Amino acid sequence: QVQLVESGGGLVQAGGSLRLSCAASGSTGRTYFTAWFRQGPGKEREFVAVVSWSGKLTYYADSVKGRFTISRDNATNTVYLQLNNLKPEDTADYYCAAGAQYLSRQYSDYAYWGQGTQVTLSS
């Protein structure tokens, strides 16, 4: 089993930045590809970004490309999501997911999920 715990969410103004963290524990060798998804108010869960085990391969949703950066530190079993130039439409609960075996944007490919961290853009 793999446990994922997200942190770093909060209230931020439009144009601001946040860094989300996803700490993995347990059988972390099974995390393979790790992704971030988000679910905004009244919206379906959507893919944000994914990173390979080595950190060398990444893939982003078009809506965040150029603003968000996913990275990982395998020494600490942590995956990060740097959020820059935040927009009101970025308001959502952000979830870390692990266990896919390729750069997938499908939530069904991920076996392990965290509880989420909330990002809210203030007006």
C-alpha atoms as a PDB file:
ATOM      1  CA  GLN A   1       0.000   0.000   0.000  1.00  0.00           C
ATOM      2  CA  VAL A   2       0.960   3.588  -0.577  1.00  0.00           C
ATOM      3  CA  GLN A   3      -0.242   6.512   1.479  1.00  0.00           C
ATOM      4  CA  LEU A   4      -0.249  10.011   0.005  1.00  0.00           C
ATOM      5  CA  VAL A   5      -0.595  13.207   1.992  1.00  0.00           C
ATOM      6  CA  GLU A   6      -0.965  16.576   0.293  1.00  0.00           C
ATOM      7  CA  SER A   7      -0.131  19.935   1.802  1.00  0.00           C
ATOM      8  CA  GLY A   8       0.518  23.519   0.777  1.00  0.00           C
ATOM      9  CA  GLY A   9      -2.918  24.674  -0.241  1.00  0.00           C
ATOM     10  CA  GLY A  10      -4.381  27.961   0.904  1.00  0.00           C
ATOM     11  CA  LEU A  11      -5.932  31.296   0.005  1.00  0.00           C
ATOM     12  CA  VAL A  12      -4.048  33.307  -2.576  1.00  0.00           C
ATOM     13  CA  GLN A  13      -4.706  36.305  -4.784  1.00  0.00           C
ATOM     14  CA  ALA A  14      -4.920  36.069  -8.544  1.00  0.00           C
ATOM     15  CA  GLY A  15      -1.437  36.200 -10.016  1.00  0.00           C
ATOM     16  CA  GLY A  16       0.068  34.682  -6.908  1.00  0.00           C
ATOM     17  CA  SER A  17       1.911  31.410  -6.361  1.00  0.00           C
ATOM     18  CA  LEU A  18       1.709  28.326  -4.211  1.00  0.00           C
ATOM     19  CA  ARG A  19       3.696  25.136  -3.944  1.00  0.00           C
ATOM     20  CA  LEU A  20       1.798  21.954  -3.220  1.00  0.00           C
ATOM     21  CA  SER A  21       3.531  18.896  -1.787  1.00  0.00           C
ATOM     22  CA  CYS A  22       2.586  15.243  -1.907  1.00  0.00           C
ATOM     23  CA  ALA A  23       4.417  13.053   0.578  1.00  0.00           C
ATOM     24  CA  ALA A  24       4.340   9.318  -0.068  1.00  0.00           C
ATOM     25  CA  SER A  25       4.859   6.558   2.470  1.00  0.00           C
ATOM     26  CA  GLY A  26       4.513   2.806   2.505  1.00  0.00           C
ATOM     27  CA  SER A  27       5.460   0.823  -0.585  1.00  0.00           C
ATOM     28  CA  THR A  28       6.693   3.884  -2.416  1.00  0.00           C
ATOM     29  CA  GLY A  29       8.438   1.799  -5.031  1.00  0.00           C
ATOM     30  CA  ARG A  30       4.990   1.320  -6.508  1.00  0.00           C
ATOM     31  CA  THR A  31       4.293   4.995  -7.061  1.00  0.00           C
ATOM     32  CA  TYR A  32       5.620   4.831 -10.611  1.00  0.00           C
ATOM     33  CA  PHE A  33       4.062   7.837 -12.331  1.00  0.00           C
ATOM     34  CA  THR A  34       2.578  10.400  -9.979  1.00  0.00           C
ATOM     35  CA  ALA A  35       0.024  12.986 -10.964  1.00  0.00           C
ATOM     36  CA  TRP A  36      -2.003  15.894  -9.694  1.00  0.00           C
ATOM     37  CA  PHE A  37      -5.704  16.194 -10.378  1.00  0.00           C
ATOM     38  CA  ARG A  38      -8.105  18.883  -9.248  1.00  0.00           C
ATOM     39  CA  GLN A  39     -11.815  19.318  -8.713  1.00  0.00           C
ATOM     40  CA  GLY A  40     -13.331  22.757  -8.707  1.00  0.00           C
ATOM     41  CA  PRO A  41     -16.722  23.713  -7.245  1.00  0.00           C
ATOM     42  CA  GLY A  42     -19.438  22.002  -9.260  1.00  0.00           C
ATOM     43  CA  LYS A  43     -16.928  20.512 -11.663  1.00  0.00           C
ATOM     44  CA  GLU A  44     -15.663  17.044 -12.432  1.00  0.00           C
ATOM     45  CA  ARG A  45     -12.205  15.960 -11.360  1.00  0.00           C
ATOM     46  CA  GLU A  46      -9.680  16.896 -14.024  1.00  0.00           C
ATOM     47  CA  PHE A  47      -6.090  16.040 -14.802  1.00  0.00           C
ATOM     48  CA  VAL A  48      -3.460  18.691 -14.080  1.00  0.00           C
ATOM     49  CA  ALA A  49       0.019  17.193 -14.493  1.00  0.00           C
ATOM     50  CA  VAL A  50       1.984  13.941 -14.243  1.00  0.00           C
ATOM     51  CA  VAL A  51       5.651  13.105 -13.679  1.00  0.00           C
ATOM     52  CA  SER A  52       7.605   9.930 -14.261  1.00  0.00           C
ATOM     53  CA  TRP A  53       9.508   8.081 -11.555  1.00  0.00           C
ATOM     54  CA  SER A  54      12.793   9.610 -12.723  1.00  0.00           C
ATOM     55  CA  GLY A  55      11.306  13.074 -12.943  1.00  0.00           C
ATOM     56  CA  LYS A  56      12.532  13.457 -16.505  1.00  0.00           C
ATOM     57  CA  LEU A  57       9.146  13.014 -18.185  1.00  0.00           C
ATOM     58  CA  THR A  58       6.262  15.347 -17.522  1.00  0.00           C
ATOM     59  CA  TYR A  59       2.927  16.098 -19.130  1.00  0.00           C
ATOM     60  CA  TYR A  60       0.510  18.940 -18.434  1.00  0.00           C
ATOM     61  CA  ALA A  61      -3.057  19.867 -19.106  1.00  0.00           C
ATOM     62  CA  ASP A  62      -3.289  22.695 -21.609  1.00  0.00           C
ATOM     63  CA  SER A  63      -5.015  24.881 -19.020  1.00  0.00           C
ATOM     64  CA  VAL A  64      -1.945  24.937 -16.755  1.00  0.00           C
ATOM     65  CA  LYS A  65       0.917  24.558 -19.215  1.00  0.00           C
ATOM     66  CA  GLY A  66       3.477  27.307 -18.714  1.00  0.00           C
ATOM     67  CA  ARG A  67       2.108  28.203 -15.273  1.00  0.00           C
ATOM     68  CA  PHE A  68       2.406  25.006 -13.238  1.00  0.00           C
ATOM     69  CA  THR A  69       5.476  22.816 -12.789  1.00  0.00           C
ATOM     70  CA  ILE A  70       5.499  19.270 -11.461  1.00  0.00           C
ATOM     71  CA  SER A  71       8.652  17.782  -9.974  1.00  0.00           C
ATOM     72  CA  ARG A  72       9.710  15.081  -7.555  1.00  0.00           C
ATOM     73  CA  ASP A  73      12.375  14.342  -4.987  1.00  0.00           C
ATOM     74  CA  ASN A  74      12.704  10.591  -4.629  1.00  0.00           C
ATOM     75  CA  ALA A  75      15.099  10.981  -1.704  1.00  0.00           C
ATOM     76  CA  THR A  76      12.183  12.284   0.344  1.00  0.00           C
ATOM     77  CA  ASN A  77       9.386  10.519  -1.573  1.00  0.00           C
ATOM     78  CA  THR A  78       7.773  13.856  -2.320  1.00  0.00           C
ATOM     79  CA  VAL A  79       6.141  15.198  -5.460  1.00  0.00           C
ATOM     80  CA  TYR A  80       5.642  18.923  -5.856  1.00  0.00           C
ATOM     81  CA  LEU A  81       3.343  21.098  -7.899  1.00  0.00           C
ATOM     82  CA  GLN A  82       4.456  24.695  -8.268  1.00  0.00           C
ATOM     83  CA  LEU A  83       1.513  26.917  -9.144  1.00  0.00           C
ATOM     84  CA  ASN A  84       2.376  30.308 -10.635  1.00  0.00           C
ATOM     85  CA  ASN A  85       0.259  33.094 -12.085  1.00  0.00           C
ATOM     86  CA  LEU A  86      -2.830  31.651 -10.467  1.00  0.00           C
ATOM     87  CA  LYS A  87      -6.217  32.431 -11.949  1.00  0.00           C
ATOM     88  CA  PRO A  88      -9.695  32.305 -10.383  1.00  0.00           C
ATOM     89  CA  GLU A  89     -10.464  29.165 -12.395  1.00  0.00           C
ATOM     90  CA  ASP A  90      -7.627  27.402 -10.567  1.00  0.00           C
ATOM     91  CA  THR A  91      -9.737  27.346  -7.409  1.00  0.00           C
ATOM     92  CA  ALA A  92     -10.152  23.667  -6.581  1.00  0.00           C
ATOM     93  CA  ASP A  93      -9.284  20.796  -4.319  1.00  0.00           C
ATOM     94  CA  TYR A  94      -5.989  19.393  -5.569  1.00  0.00           C
ATOM     95  CA  TYR A  95      -5.342  15.665  -5.288  1.00  0.00           C
ATOM     96  CA  CYS A  96      -2.144  13.689  -5.600  1.00  0.00           C
ATOM     97  CA  ALA A  97      -2.419  10.306  -7.304  1.00  0.00           C
ATOM     98  CA  ALA A  98       0.134   7.545  -7.869  1.00  0.00           C
ATOM     99  CA  GLY A  99       0.463   4.115  -9.379  1.00  0.00           C
ATOM    100  CA  ALA A 100       0.051   4.663 -13.109  1.00  0.00           C
ATOM    101  CA  GLN A 101       2.569   2.963 -15.381  1.00  0.00           C
ATOM    102  CA  TYR A 102       2.727   5.640 -18.028  1.00  0.00           C
ATOM    103  CA  LEU A 103       2.065   9.367 -18.457  1.00  0.00           C
ATOM    104  CA  SER A 104      -1.658   8.988 -18.014  1.00  0.00           C
ATOM    105  CA  ARG A 105      -4.285  11.698 -17.658  1.00  0.00           C
ATOM    106  CA  GLN A 106      -6.977   9.142 -16.766  1.00  0.00           C
ATOM    107  CA  TYR A 107      -7.850   9.030 -13.076  1.00  0.00           C
ATOM    108  CA  SER A 108      -8.762   5.338 -13.394  1.00  0.00           C
ATOM    109  CA  ASP A 109      -5.093   4.528 -14.040  1.00  0.00           C
ATOM    110  CA  TYR A 110      -4.063   5.649 -10.574  1.00  0.00           C
ATOM    111  CA  ALA A 111      -4.462   3.235  -7.673  1.00  0.00           C
ATOM    112  CA  TYR A 112      -3.449   5.523  -4.823  1.00  0.00           C
ATOM    113  CA  TRP A 113      -4.961   8.861  -3.870  1.00  0.00           C
ATOM    114  CA  GLY A 114      -4.452  11.466  -1.210  1.00  0.00           C
ATOM    115  CA  GLN A 115      -7.179  13.358   0.620  1.00  0.00           C
ATOM    116  CA  GLY A 116      -6.599  16.610  -1.191  1.00  0.00           C
ATOM    117  CA  THR A 117      -5.542  20.144  -0.371  1.00  0.00           C
ATOM    118  CA  GLN A 118      -7.652  23.179  -1.119  1.00  0.00           C
ATOM    119  CA  VAL A 119      -6.523  26.104  -3.245  1.00  0.00           C
ATOM    120  CA  THR A 120      -8.742  29.157  -3.213  1.00  0.00           C
ATOM    121  CA  LEU A 121      -8.258  32.304  -5.245  1.00  0.00           C
ATOM    122  CA  SER A 122      -9.431  35.446  -3.511  1.00  0.00           C
ATOM    123  CA  SER A 123     -11.145  38.214  -5.440  1.00  0.00           C
END
